C-alpha atoms as a PDB file:
ATOM      1  CA  MET A   1     -22.487  14.363  11.438  1.00  0.00           C
ATOM      2  CA  ALA A   2     -19.019  14.631  12.948  1.00  0.00           C
ATOM      3  CA  HIS A   3     -16.452  12.273  11.520  1.00  0.00           C
ATOM      4  CA  ALA A   4     -14.987   9.677  13.899  1.00  0.00           C
ATOM      5  CA  PHE A   5     -11.499  11.172  13.755  1.00  0.00           C
ATOM      6  CA  GLU A   6     -12.798  14.532  15.022  1.00  0.00           C
ATOM      7  CA  SER A   7     -12.936  13.007  18.499  1.00  0.00           C
ATOM      8  CA  LEU A   8      -9.241  12.098  18.293  1.00  0.00           C
ATOM      9  CA  THR A   9      -7.994  15.222  20.070  1.00  0.00           C
ATOM     10  CA  PRO A  10      -4.405  15.686  21.289  1.00  0.00           C
ATOM     11  CA  ASP A  11      -5.588  14.863  24.815  1.00  0.00           C
ATOM     12  CA  ALA A  12      -7.165  11.639  23.533  1.00  0.00           C
ATOM     13  CA  VAL A  13      -3.894  10.666  21.826  1.00  0.00           C
ATOM     14  CA  LEU A  14      -1.919  11.269  25.010  1.00  0.00           C
ATOM     15  CA  ASP A  15      -4.478   9.431  27.144  1.00  0.00           C
ATOM     16  CA  ALA A  16      -4.336   6.462  24.756  1.00  0.00           C
ATOM     17  CA  LEU A  17      -0.557   6.278  25.087  1.00  0.00           C
ATOM     18  CA  ASP A  18      -0.811   6.656  28.845  1.00  0.00           C
ATOM     19  CA  SER A  19      -3.119   3.623  28.866  1.00  0.00           C
ATOM     20  CA  VAL A  20      -0.233   1.462  27.615  1.00  0.00           C
ATOM     21  CA  GLY A  21       2.350   2.956  29.952  1.00  0.00           C
ATOM     22  CA  LEU A  22       3.815   5.689  27.746  1.00  0.00           C
ATOM     23  CA  ARG A  23       3.830   9.221  29.124  1.00  0.00           C
ATOM     24  CA  GLY A  24       3.904  11.931  26.478  1.00  0.00           C
ATOM     25  CA  ASP A  25       5.329  15.355  27.289  1.00  0.00           C
ATOM     26  CA  GLY A  26       2.569  17.097  25.295  1.00  0.00           C
ATOM     27  CA  ARG A  27       4.406  17.498  21.997  1.00  0.00           C
ATOM     28  CA  LEU A  28       2.649  15.867  19.044  1.00  0.00           C
ATOM     29  CA  THR A  29       3.487  16.065  15.356  1.00  0.00           C
ATOM     30  CA  ALA A  30       0.908  14.848  12.846  1.00  0.00           C
ATOM     31  CA  LEU A  31       2.578  12.695  10.181  1.00  0.00           C
ATOM     32  CA  SER A  32       1.376  12.269   6.612  1.00  0.00           C
ATOM     33  CA  SER A  33      -1.460   9.750   6.483  1.00  0.00           C
ATOM     34  CA  TYR A  34      -4.906  10.049   4.954  1.00  0.00           C
ATOM     35  CA  GLU A  35      -6.296   6.587   5.702  1.00  0.00           C
ATOM     36  CA  ASN A  36      -5.403   6.628   9.396  1.00  0.00           C
ATOM     37  CA  ARG A  37      -4.134   9.209  11.862  1.00  0.00           C
ATOM     38  CA  VAL A  38      -0.461   8.971  12.711  1.00  0.00           C
ATOM     39  CA  TYR A  39       1.450  11.081  15.226  1.00  0.00           C
ATOM     40  CA  GLN A  40       5.022  11.397  16.356  1.00  0.00           C
ATOM     41  CA  VAL A  41       4.843  11.722  20.122  1.00  0.00           C
ATOM     42  CA  GLN A  42       7.634  12.993  22.352  1.00  0.00           C
ATOM     43  CA  LEU A  43       7.807  11.110  25.640  1.00  0.00           C
ATOM     44  CA  GLU A  44       8.779  12.413  29.047  1.00  0.00           C
ATOM     45  CA  ASP A  45      11.960  10.298  29.040  1.00  0.00           C
ATOM     46  CA  GLY A  46      13.226  12.187  25.969  1.00  0.00           C
ATOM     47  CA  SER A  47      12.496   9.461  23.429  1.00  0.00           C
ATOM     48  CA  ALA A  48       9.843   9.530  20.727  1.00  0.00           C
ATOM     49  CA  VAL A  49       7.406   7.007  19.273  1.00  0.00           C
ATOM     50  CA  VAL A  50       4.939   6.910  16.399  1.00  0.00           C
ATOM     51  CA  ALA A  51       1.300   6.274  17.330  1.00  0.00           C
ATOM     52  CA  LYS A  52      -1.050   5.006  14.632  1.00  0.00           C
ATOM     53  CA  PHE A  53      -4.828   5.212  15.103  1.00  0.00           C
ATOM     54  CA  TYR A  54      -6.688   3.015  12.634  1.00  0.00           C
ATOM     55  CA  ARG A  55      -9.674   4.276  10.677  1.00  0.00           C
ATOM     56  CA  PRO A  56     -12.748   2.811  12.402  1.00  0.00           C
ATOM     57  CA  GLY A  57     -14.534   0.174  10.350  1.00  0.00           C
ATOM     58  CA  ARG A  58     -11.823  -0.362   7.752  1.00  0.00           C
ATOM     59  CA  TRP A  59     -10.095  -3.465   9.102  1.00  0.00           C
ATOM     60  CA  THR A  60     -11.220  -5.953  11.714  1.00  0.00           C
ATOM     61  CA  ASP A  61      -9.025  -6.565  14.750  1.00  0.00           C
ATOM     62  CA  GLU A  62      -8.072  -9.918  13.204  1.00  0.00           C
ATOM     63  CA  GLN A  63      -6.926  -8.241   9.998  1.00  0.00           C
ATOM     64  CA  ILE A  64      -4.916  -5.622  11.886  1.00  0.00           C
ATOM     65  CA  GLN A  65      -3.308  -8.309  14.009  1.00  0.00           C
ATOM     66  CA  GLU A  66      -2.296 -10.157  10.843  1.00  0.00           C
ATOM     67  CA  GLU A  67      -0.521  -6.995   9.695  1.00  0.00           C
ATOM     68  CA  HIS A  68       1.319  -6.853  13.019  1.00  0.00           C
ATOM     69  CA  ASP A  69       2.180 -10.549  12.956  1.00  0.00           C
ATOM     70  CA  PHE A  70       3.530 -10.257   9.403  1.00  0.00           C
ATOM     71  CA  ALA A  71       5.715  -7.315  10.447  1.00  0.00           C
ATOM     72  CA  ALA A  72       6.979  -9.326  13.429  1.00  0.00           C
ATOM     73  CA  GLU A  73       7.840 -12.253  11.127  1.00  0.00           C
ATOM     74  CA  LEU A  74       9.780  -9.913   8.841  1.00  0.00           C
ATOM     75  CA  MET A  75      11.712  -8.351  11.700  1.00  0.00           C
ATOM     76  CA  ALA A  76      12.481 -11.802  13.148  1.00  0.00           C
ATOM     77  CA  ALA A  77      13.968 -12.669   9.736  1.00  0.00           C
ATOM     78  CA  GLU A  78      16.093  -9.481   9.956  1.00  0.00           C
ATOM     79  CA  VAL A  79      14.187  -7.797   7.138  1.00  0.00           C
ATOM     80  CA  PRO A  80      14.239  -4.012   7.770  1.00  0.00           C
ATOM     81  CA  ALA A  81      10.506  -3.534   8.251  1.00  0.00           C
ATOM     82  CA  ILE A  82       9.241  -1.233  10.974  1.00  0.00           C
ATOM     83  CA  GLY A  83       6.522  -2.919  12.980  1.00  0.00           C
ATOM     84  CA  PRO A  84       4.627  -2.048  16.152  1.00  0.00           C
ATOM     85  CA  LEU A  85       6.030  -2.401  19.650  1.00  0.00           C
ATOM     86  CA  VAL A  86       4.674  -5.026  22.021  1.00  0.00           C
ATOM     87  CA  LEU A  87       3.413  -3.133  25.071  1.00  0.00           C
ATOM     88  CA  GLN A  88       1.772  -4.845  28.018  1.00  0.00           C
ATOM     89  CA  GLY A  89       1.879  -8.088  26.074  1.00  0.00           C
ATOM     90  CA  ALA A  90       0.122  -6.844  22.910  1.00  0.00           C
ATOM     91  CA  SER A  91       0.810  -4.876  19.733  1.00  0.00           C
ATOM     92  CA  LEU A  92      -2.829  -3.896  19.096  1.00  0.00           C
ATOM     93  CA  HIS A  93      -4.547  -1.698  21.662  1.00  0.00           C
ATOM     94  CA  HIS A  94      -7.908   0.022  22.058  1.00  0.00           C
ATOM     95  CA  PHE A  95      -8.860   3.364  23.540  1.00  0.00           C
ATOM     96  CA  GLY A  96     -12.359   4.755  23.201  1.00  0.00           C
ATOM     97  CA  ASP A  97     -13.576   4.073  19.667  1.00  0.00           C
ATOM     98  CA  PHE A  98     -10.101   3.545  18.245  1.00  0.00           C
ATOM     99  CA  ALA A  99      -7.721   0.670  17.671  1.00  0.00           C
ATOM    100  CA  PHE A 100      -4.128   1.858  17.795  1.00  0.00           C
ATOM    101  CA  SER A 101      -0.532   0.719  17.768  1.00  0.00           C
ATOM    102  CA  VAL A 102       2.792   2.264  18.741  1.00  0.00           C
ATOM    103  CA  SER A 103       5.975   1.915  16.707  1.00  0.00           C
ATOM    104  CA  PRO A 104       9.556   3.104  17.134  1.00  0.00           C
ATOM    105  CA  ARG A 105      10.507   6.281  15.335  1.00  0.00           C
ATOM    106  CA  ARG A 106      12.809   5.848  12.356  1.00  0.00           C
ATOM    107  CA  GLY A 107      14.290   8.561  10.211  1.00  0.00           C
ATOM    108  CA  GLY A 108      15.161   8.423   6.538  1.00  0.00           C
ATOM    109  CA  ARG A 109      14.690  10.006   3.159  1.00  0.00           C
ATOM    110  CA  PRO A 110      13.005   8.866  -0.067  1.00  0.00           C
ATOM    111  CA  PRO A 111      15.137   6.415  -2.075  1.00  0.00           C
ATOM    112  CA  GLU A 112      16.937   7.587  -5.219  1.00  0.00           C
ATOM    113  CA  LEU A 113      15.107   5.426  -7.735  1.00  0.00           C
ATOM    114  CA  ASP A 114      17.274   6.617 -10.631  1.00  0.00           C
ATOM    115  CA  ASP A 115      20.223   4.862  -8.983  1.00  0.00           C
ATOM    116  CA  GLY A 116      20.533   1.264 -10.140  1.00  0.00           C
ATOM    117  CA  GLU A 117      22.413   0.228  -6.990  1.00  0.00           C
ATOM    118  CA  VAL A 118      19.598   1.584  -4.807  1.00  0.00           C
ATOM    119  CA  LEU A 119      17.028  -0.367  -6.826  1.00  0.00           C
ATOM    120  CA  GLU A 120      19.096  -3.555  -6.584  1.00  0.00           C
ATOM    121  CA  TRP A 121      19.305  -3.080  -2.833  1.00  0.00           C
ATOM    122  CA  ILE A 122      15.527  -2.619  -2.613  1.00  0.00           C
ATOM    123  CA  GLY A 123      15.041  -5.657  -4.850  1.00  0.00           C
ATOM    124  CA  ARG A 124      17.099  -7.826  -2.492  1.00  0.00           C
ATOM    125  CA  PHE A 125      14.949  -6.860   0.464  1.00  0.00           C
ATOM    126  CA  LEU A 126      11.719  -7.305  -1.502  1.00  0.00           C
ATOM    127  CA  ALA A 127      12.844 -10.873  -2.205  1.00  0.00           C
ATOM    128  CA  ARG A 128      13.398 -11.386   1.503  1.00  0.00           C
ATOM    129  CA  ILE A 129       9.941  -9.956   2.284  1.00  0.00           C
ATOM    130  CA  HIS A 130       8.406 -12.341  -0.237  1.00  0.00           C
ATOM    131  CA  THR A 131      10.364 -15.307   1.100  1.00  0.00           C
ATOM    132  CA  VAL A 132       8.737 -14.697   4.467  1.00  0.00           C
ATOM    133  CA  GLY A 133       5.410 -13.909   2.813  1.00  0.00           C
ATOM    134  CA  ALA A 134       5.409 -17.212   0.948  1.00  0.00           C
ATOM    135  CA  LYS A 135       5.709 -19.304   4.105  1.00  0.00           C
ATOM    136  CA  LYS A 136       1.988 -19.214   4.850  1.00  0.00           C
ATOM    137  CA  PRO A 137      -1.130 -17.386   3.618  1.00  0.00           C
ATOM    138  CA  PHE A 138      -3.105 -14.629   5.266  1.00  0.00           C
ATOM    139  CA  ALA A 139      -6.151 -16.001   7.064  1.00  0.00           C
ATOM    140  CA  SER A 140      -8.344 -12.879   7.069  1.00  0.00           C
ATOM    141  CA  ARG A 141      -6.652 -10.235   4.922  1.00  0.00           C
ATOM    142  CA  PRO A 142      -8.057  -9.954   1.377  1.00  0.00           C
ATOM    143  CA  ARG A 143      -6.515 -10.732  -1.993  1.00  0.00           C
ATOM    144  CA  LEU A 144      -5.700  -8.175  -4.631  1.00  0.00           C
ATOM    145  CA  ASP A 145      -8.067  -9.081  -7.453  1.00  0.00           C
ATOM    146  CA  ALA A 146     -10.114  -7.590 -10.256  1.00  0.00           C
ATOM    147  CA  ALA A 147     -13.382  -8.202  -8.414  1.00  0.00           C
ATOM    148  CA  SER A 148     -12.584  -6.061  -5.366  1.00  0.00           C
ATOM    149  CA  PHE A 149     -10.307  -3.425  -6.902  1.00  0.00           C
ATOM    150  CA  GLY A 150     -12.097  -3.140 -10.245  1.00  0.00           C
ATOM    151  CA  VAL A 151     -15.687  -4.382 -10.393  1.00  0.00           C
ATOM    152  CA  GLU A 152     -16.739  -3.519  -6.838  1.00  0.00           C
ATOM    153  CA  SER A 153     -15.099  -0.085  -7.026  1.00  0.00           C
ATOM    154  CA  MET A 154     -16.829   0.724 -10.319  1.00  0.00           C
ATOM    155  CA  GLN A 155     -20.216  -0.490  -9.075  1.00  0.00           C
ATOM    156  CA  TRP A 156     -19.975   1.474  -5.841  1.00  0.00           C
ATOM    157  CA  LEU A 157     -19.154   4.707  -7.667  1.00  0.00           C
ATOM    158  CA  LEU A 158     -22.080   4.295 -10.054  1.00  0.00           C
ATOM    159  CA  GLU A 159     -24.567   3.154  -7.424  1.00  0.00           C
ATOM    160  CA  HIS A 160     -23.723   6.156  -5.219  1.00  0.00           C
ATOM    161  CA  ASP A 161     -23.881   8.660  -8.113  1.00  0.00           C
ATOM    162  CA  LYS A 162     -20.289   9.789  -7.648  1.00  0.00           C
ATOM    163  CA  VAL A 163     -19.647  10.214 -11.384  1.00  0.00           C
ATOM    164  CA  PRO A 164     -21.269  13.355 -12.925  1.00  0.00           C
ATOM    165  CA  LEU A 165     -24.002  12.610 -15.452  1.00  0.00           C
ATOM    166  CA  ASP A 166     -22.220  14.404 -18.299  1.00  0.00           C
ATOM    167  CA  VAL A 167     -19.316  11.922 -18.166  1.00  0.00           C
ATOM    168  CA  GLN A 168     -20.925   8.940 -16.443  1.00  0.00           C
ATOM    169  CA  SER A 169     -21.726   6.972 -19.598  1.00  0.00           C
ATOM    170  CA  ALA A 170     -18.258   7.417 -21.096  1.00  0.00           C
ATOM    171  CA  TRP A 171     -16.524   6.561 -17.832  1.00  0.00           C
ATOM    172  CA  ALA A 172     -18.682   3.484 -17.176  1.00  0.00           C
ATOM    173  CA  LYS A 173     -17.991   2.143 -20.676  1.00  0.00           C
ATOM    174  CA  VAL A 174     -14.234   2.620 -20.625  1.00  0.00           C
ATOM    175  CA  CYS A 175     -14.062   1.306 -17.065  1.00  0.00           C
ATOM    176  CA  THR A 176     -15.995  -1.824 -18.029  1.00  0.00           C
ATOM    177  CA  ASP A 177     -13.836  -2.317 -21.115  1.00  0.00           C
ATOM    178  CA  ALA A 178     -10.651  -1.854 -19.087  1.00  0.00           C
ATOM    179  CA  ILE A 179     -11.720  -4.393 -16.468  1.00  0.00           C
ATOM    180  CA  GLU A 180     -12.577  -6.895 -19.200  1.00  0.00           C
ATOM    181  CA  LEU A 181      -9.135  -6.374 -20.716  1.00  0.00           C
ATOM    182  CA  VAL A 182      -7.560  -6.914 -17.286  1.00  0.00           C
ATOM    183  CA  ALA A 183      -9.422 -10.209 -17.101  1.00  0.00           C
ATOM    184  CA  THR A 184      -8.177 -11.359 -20.493  1.00  0.00           C
ATOM    185  CA  HIS A 185      -4.602 -10.525 -19.505  1.00  0.00           C
ATOM    186  CA  ALA A 186      -4.420 -11.934 -16.031  1.00  0.00           C
ATOM    187  CA  ALA A 187      -7.609 -13.648 -14.861  1.00  0.00           C
ATOM    188  CA  LEU A 188      -7.236 -12.088 -11.411  1.00  0.00           C
ATOM    189  CA  THR A 189      -9.971 -14.111  -9.780  1.00  0.00           C
ATOM    190  CA  ARG A 190     -11.590 -13.985  -6.394  1.00  0.00           C
ATOM    191  CA  ALA A 191     -10.717 -17.652  -5.956  1.00  0.00           C
ATOM    192  CA  GLY A 192      -7.012 -16.829  -6.258  1.00  0.00           C
ATOM    193  CA  GLY A 193      -4.285 -17.805  -8.657  1.00  0.00           C
ATOM    194  CA  ILE A 194      -3.482 -16.300 -12.032  1.00  0.00           C
ATOM    195  CA  LYS A 195      -3.794 -19.121 -14.537  1.00  0.00           C
ATOM    196  CA  HIS A 196      -1.848 -19.032 -17.779  1.00  0.00           C
ATOM    197  CA  SER A 197      -2.286 -22.677 -18.707  1.00  0.00           C
ATOM    198  CA  LYS A 198      -3.913 -25.836 -17.395  1.00  0.00           C
ATOM    199  CA  ASP A 199      -0.829 -26.760 -15.402  1.00  0.00           C
ATOM    200  CA  SER A 200       0.676 -23.386 -14.587  1.00  0.00           C
ATOM    201  CA  GLU A 201      -0.315 -20.828 -11.993  1.00  0.00           C
ATOM    202  CA  ILE A 202       1.443 -17.715 -10.797  1.00  0.00           C
ATOM    203  CA  ARG A 203       2.014 -17.883  -7.068  1.00  0.00           C
ATOM    204  CA  ILE A 204      -0.014 -15.737  -4.687  1.00  0.00           C
ATOM    205  CA  LEU A 205       1.788 -14.711  -1.503  1.00  0.00           C
ATOM    206  CA  ARG A 206       1.654 -12.204   1.335  1.00  0.00           C
ATOM    207  CA  LEU A 207       2.840  -8.788   0.121  1.00  0.00           C
ATOM    208  CA  HIS A 208       3.657  -5.335   1.407  1.00  0.00           C
ATOM    209  CA  GLY A 209       0.821  -4.389  -0.941  1.00  0.00           C
ATOM    210  CA  ASP A 210       1.477  -0.641  -1.250  1.00  0.00           C
ATOM    211  CA  CYS A 211       5.183  -0.505  -2.001  1.00  0.00           C
ATOM    212  CA  HIS A 212       5.621   2.975  -3.438  1.00  0.00           C
ATOM    213  CA  PRO A 213       8.601   5.285  -2.722  1.00  0.00           C
ATOM    214  CA  GLY A 214       6.768   7.042   0.132  1.00  0.00           C
ATOM    215  CA  ASN A 215       6.665   3.774   2.059  1.00  0.00           C
ATOM    216  CA  ILE A 216      10.420   3.215   1.878  1.00  0.00           C
ATOM    217  CA  LEU A 217      12.761   5.176   4.137  1.00  0.00           C
ATOM    218  CA  TRP A 218      16.343   5.265   2.908  1.00  0.00           C
ATOM    219  CA  THR A 219      19.142   5.586   5.441  1.00  0.00           C
ATOM    220  CA  PRO A 220      22.465   6.700   3.932  1.00  0.00           C
ATOM    221  CA  THR A 221      25.354   4.254   4.307  1.00  0.00           C
ATOM    222  CA  ASP A 222      27.334   6.832   6.298  1.00  0.00           C
ATOM    223  CA  ALA A 223      24.559   7.459   8.841  1.00  0.00           C
ATOM    224  CA  ALA A 224      25.185   6.138  12.330  1.00  0.00           C
ATOM    225  CA  LEU A 225      21.586   5.077  13.052  1.00  0.00           C
ATOM    226  CA  ALA A 226      20.394   2.035  14.955  1.00  0.00           C
ATOM    227  CA  ALA A 227      18.254   1.048  11.995  1.00  0.00           C
ATOM    228  CA  GLY A 228      21.332   0.528   9.802  1.00  0.00           C
ATOM    229  CA  PRO A 229      21.934   1.786   6.239  1.00  0.00           C
ATOM    230  CA  GLY A 230      19.742   1.087   3.249  1.00  0.00           C
ATOM    231  CA  PRO A 231      15.963   0.746   2.787  1.00  0.00           C
ATOM    232  CA  HIS A 232      13.469   0.391   5.615  1.00  0.00           C
ATOM    233  CA  PHE A 233       9.922  -0.606   4.731  1.00  0.00           C
ATOM    234  CA  VAL A 234       7.086   1.106   6.572  1.00  0.00           C
ATOM    235  CA  ASP A 235       3.285   1.036   6.596  1.00  0.00           C
ATOM    236  CA  LEU A 236       2.033  -2.499   6.064  1.00  0.00           C
ATOM    237  CA  ASP A 237      -1.524  -1.167   6.396  1.00  0.00           C
ATOM    238  CA  ASP A 238      -2.360  -2.364   2.865  1.00  0.00           C
ATOM    239  CA  ALA A 239      -0.709  -5.758   3.205  1.00  0.00           C
ATOM    240  CA  ARG A 240      -2.674  -8.354   1.269  1.00  0.00           C
ATOM    241  CA  SER A 241      -2.194 -11.417  -0.922  1.00  0.00           C
ATOM    242  CA  GLY A 242      -1.183 -11.083  -4.557  1.00  0.00           C
ATOM    243  CA  PRO A 243       1.572 -11.640  -7.143  1.00  0.00           C
ATOM    244  CA  ALA A 244       5.131 -10.579  -6.317  1.00  0.00           C
ATOM    245  CA  VAL A 245       5.221  -7.969  -9.083  1.00  0.00           C
ATOM    246  CA  GLN A 246       2.661  -5.867  -7.165  1.00  0.00           C
ATOM    247  CA  ASP A 247       5.498  -4.810  -4.831  1.00  0.00           C
ATOM    248  CA  MET A 248       7.695  -3.772  -7.779  1.00  0.00           C
ATOM    249  CA  TRP A 249       5.726  -1.862 -10.364  1.00  0.00           C
ATOM    250  CA  MET A 250       5.101   1.284  -8.281  1.00  0.00           C
ATOM    251  CA  LEU A 251       8.856   1.795  -7.917  1.00  0.00           C
ATOM    252  CA  ARG A 252       9.198   2.580 -11.640  1.00  0.00           C
ATOM    253  CA  SER A 253       8.613   5.795 -13.563  1.00  0.00           C
ATOM    254  CA  GLY A 254       9.535   7.540 -16.791  1.00  0.00           C
ATOM    255  CA  ASP A 255       9.400   6.302 -20.368  1.00  0.00           C
ATOM    256  CA  ARG A 256       9.471   2.656 -21.418  1.00  0.00           C
ATOM    257  CA  SER A 257      13.261   2.452 -21.583  1.00  0.00           C
ATOM    258  CA  GLN A 258      13.624   4.016 -18.111  1.00  0.00           C
ATOM    259  CA  ARG A 259      11.011   1.686 -16.654  1.00  0.00           C
ATOM    260  CA  THR A 260      12.730  -1.291 -18.238  1.00  0.00           C
ATOM    261  CA  ARG A 261      16.098  -0.326 -16.709  1.00  0.00           C
ATOM    262  CA  GLN A 262      14.530   0.272 -13.302  1.00  0.00           C
ATOM    263  CA  LEU A 263      12.672  -3.023 -13.373  1.00  0.00           C
ATOM    264  CA  GLY A 264      15.821  -4.810 -14.511  1.00  0.00           C
ATOM    265  CA  ALA A 265      17.747  -3.454 -11.524  1.00  0.00           C
ATOM    266  CA  LEU A 266      14.971  -4.492  -9.121  1.00  0.00           C
ATOM    267  CA  VAL A 267      14.855  -8.001 -10.582  1.00  0.00           C
ATOM    268  CA  ASP A 268      18.658  -8.301 -10.544  1.00  0.00           C
ATOM    269  CA  GLY A 269      18.639  -7.596  -6.828  1.00  0.00           C
ATOM    270  CA  TYR A 270      15.564  -9.749  -6.225  1.00  0.00           C
ATOM    271  CA  GLU A 271      17.061 -12.791  -7.886  1.00  0.00           C
ATOM    272  CA  GLN A 272      20.095 -12.734  -5.626  1.00  0.00           C
ATOM    273  CA  PHE A 273      17.742 -14.167  -2.988  1.00  0.00           C
ATOM    274  CA  ARG A 274      14.658 -15.502  -4.774  1.00  0.00           C
ATOM    275  CA  ASP A 275      13.578 -16.492  -8.289  1.00  0.00           C
ATOM    276  CA  PHE A 276      11.241 -14.080 -10.040  1.00  0.00           C
ATOM    277  CA  ASP A 277       8.582 -15.501 -12.352  1.00  0.00           C
ATOM    278  CA  ARG A 278       8.835 -13.325 -15.462  1.00  0.00           C
ATOM    279  CA  ARG A 279       5.312 -14.269 -16.545  1.00  0.00           C
ATOM    280  CA  GLU A 280       4.214 -11.740 -13.917  1.00  0.00           C
ATOM    281  CA  LEU A 281       5.498  -8.884 -16.105  1.00  0.00           C
ATOM    282  CA  VAL A 282       2.268  -9.089 -18.105  1.00  0.00           C
ATOM    283  CA  LEU A 283       0.402  -8.105 -14.921  1.00  0.00           C
ATOM    284  CA  ILE A 284       2.024  -4.697 -14.475  1.00  0.00           C
ATOM    285  CA  GLU A 285      -0.369  -2.649 -16.618  1.00  0.00           C
ATOM    286  CA  PRO A 286      -3.474  -4.562 -15.429  1.00  0.00           C
ATOM    287  CA  LEU A 287      -2.441  -3.896 -11.826  1.00  0.00           C
ATOM    288  CA  ARG A 288      -1.923  -0.219 -12.599  1.00  0.00           C
ATOM    289  CA  THR A 289      -5.377  -0.103 -14.206  1.00  0.00           C
ATOM    290  CA  LEU A 290      -7.033  -1.666 -11.168  1.00  0.00           C
ATOM    291  CA  ARG A 291      -5.253   0.791  -8.885  1.00  0.00           C
ATOM    292  CA  LEU A 292      -6.582   3.746 -10.908  1.00  0.00           C
ATOM    293  CA  ILE A 293     -10.181   2.554 -10.543  1.00  0.00           C
ATOM    294  CA  HIS A 294      -9.752   1.669  -6.885  1.00  0.00           C
ATOM    295  CA  TYR A 295      -8.149   5.057  -6.136  1.00  0.00           C
ATOM    296  CA  SER A 296     -11.189   6.949  -7.412  1.00  0.00           C
ATOM    297  CA  ALA A 297     -13.479   4.806  -5.279  1.00  0.00           C
ATOM    298  CA  TRP A 298     -11.201   5.244  -2.275  1.00  0.00           C
ATOM    299  CA  LEU A 299     -11.378   9.038  -2.547  1.00  0.00           C
ATOM    300  CA  ALA A 300     -15.156   8.981  -2.942  1.00  0.00           C
ATOM    301  CA  ARG A 301     -15.681   6.636   0.019  1.00  0.00           C
ATOM    302  CA  ARG A 302     -13.564   8.874   2.267  1.00  0.00           C
ATOM    303  CA  TRP A 303     -15.162  12.178   1.270  1.00  0.00           C
ATOM    304  CA  ASP A 304     -16.953  12.555   4.631  1.00  0.00           C
ATOM    305  CA  ASP A 305     -13.528  12.781   6.306  1.00  0.00           C
ATOM    306  CA  PRO A 306     -12.726  16.538   6.433  1.00  0.00           C
ATOM    307  CA  THR A 307      -9.102  15.798   5.557  1.00  0.00           C
ATOM    308  CA  PHE A 308     -10.035  14.668   2.051  1.00  0.00           C
ATOM    309  CA  PRO A 309     -11.822  17.738   0.607  1.00  0.00           C
ATOM    310  CA  VAL A 310      -8.957  19.883   1.911  1.00  0.00           C
ATOM    311  CA  ASN A 311      -6.203  17.770   0.360  1.00  0.00           C
ATOM    312  CA  PHE A 312      -7.969  16.625  -2.816  1.00  0.00           C
ATOM    313  CA  PRO A 313     -10.027  19.677  -3.895  1.00  0.00           C
ATOM    314  CA  TRP A 314      -9.828  18.629  -7.568  1.00  0.00           C
ATOM    315  CA  PHE A 315     -11.608  15.342  -6.980  1.00  0.00           C
ATOM    316  CA  GLY A 316     -15.153  14.749  -8.207  1.00  0.00           C
ATOM    317  CA  SER A 317     -15.439  17.433 -10.873  1.00  0.00           C
ATOM    318  CA  SER A 318     -16.345  16.656 -14.472  1.00  0.00           C
ATOM    319  CA  ASP A 319     -12.783  17.545 -15.425  1.00  0.00           C
ATOM    320  CA  TYR A 320     -11.475  14.929 -12.991  1.00  0.00           C
ATOM    321  CA  TRP A 321     -13.688  12.180 -14.420  1.00  0.00           C
ATOM    322  CA  GLN A 322     -12.938  13.165 -18.011  1.00  0.00           C
ATOM    323  CA  GLY A 323      -9.277  12.850 -17.086  1.00  0.00           C
ATOM    324  CA  GLN A 324      -9.995   9.381 -15.718  1.00  0.00           C
ATOM    325  CA  VAL A 325     -11.635   8.406 -19.011  1.00  0.00           C
ATOM    326  CA  GLN A 326      -8.484   9.463 -20.850  1.00  0.00           C
ATOM    327  CA  MET A 327      -6.198   7.675 -18.395  1.00  0.00           C
ATOM    328  CA  LEU A 328      -8.172   4.439 -18.660  1.00  0.00           C
ATOM    329  CA  GLU A 329      -8.094   4.672 -22.460  1.00  0.00           C
ATOM    330  CA  GLU A 330      -4.303   5.061 -22.233  1.00  0.00           C
ATOM    331  CA  GLN A 331      -4.148   2.082 -19.895  1.00  0.00           C
ATOM    332  CA  MET A 332      -6.042  -0.032 -22.397  1.00  0.00           C
ATOM    333  CA  GLU A 333      -3.461   0.850 -25.014  1.00  0.00           C
ATOM    334  CA  ALA A 334      -0.672   0.016 -22.567  1.00  0.00           C
ATOM    335  CA  MET A 335      -2.260  -3.357 -21.803  1.00  0.00           C
ATOM    336  CA  ARG A 336      -2.317  -4.130 -25.522  1.00  0.00           C
ATOM    337  CA  GLU A 337       1.433  -3.490 -25.846  1.00  0.00           C
ATOM    338  CA  GLU A 338       4.007  -6.189 -25.384  1.00  0.00           C
ATOM    339  CA  PRO A 339       5.005  -6.440 -21.697  1.00  0.00           C
ATOM    340  CA  LEU A 340       8.423  -5.293 -20.541  1.00  0.00           C
ATOM    341  CA  VAL A 341      11.230  -7.804 -20.863  1.00  0.00           C
ATOM    342  CA  VAL A 342      14.047  -8.036 -18.316  1.00  0.00           C
END
């Protein structure tokens, strides 16, 4: 069977934009996105926009609209997030089988995460994102929890025979053990809240949700761009509820001392605008563990999309799953270590 995105031809993209009053001149550039389809489109008036076509069946219209509304709240608070344009009175549009949105084009480069000043700058804006995110909860977008990212992902992979038999038993055991260790560390529950005592609960708030370096565009301070210098946050497609540290831990890399310095710089910037609850530091390795399990399930669930076998040819082999066993074993050791201190 043809995948849904195969019907999204260049003509369909241009017709969709035409339906909201934007006339393309025929030039399209596909931008990097596996979950959705995203195009830079040159318009007849010489300007350019970015059109995003959502993967059918992933989010409901209500959940997509919450993403748009969150982006609008951030921009109204002068947080440098890039949200969709309102065209003909709406930010979410439909054409054929697709929901789509149109955003302004913004340039930029990946941030230099070895630079402490850059990390402080990012930390300040993360605090501002979270200040807006804490004002009210999502109504329809999900929480980041061990049930959805860990248990459901593991069960789906096993029930659909995605793990080769020669490694299935080992992977299932280490995955189960890792999820149980996540639970003992953080109690990420479906009901919400991360309880550490009878009277204490780490706050759950609206997050960017997928704050890795690829989702931050950095504009140099000497660039004369309308967007202004510094970080600009893009792609709120994975916005969901969770602890603040979820938007920090993916911006760190290297050995323990490097990660500690990077996290310290982020927190230093963050706390110029908002207090950071250091109890959340114990969640970093559990969150990384859940992301590893969820990532494997995400790849497997998307395998009918022709883009995935082309870009992830290594996925699904016994070697891949044996590597996952090793990575989860390493994560269990990391979860047993003392958390970082900043």
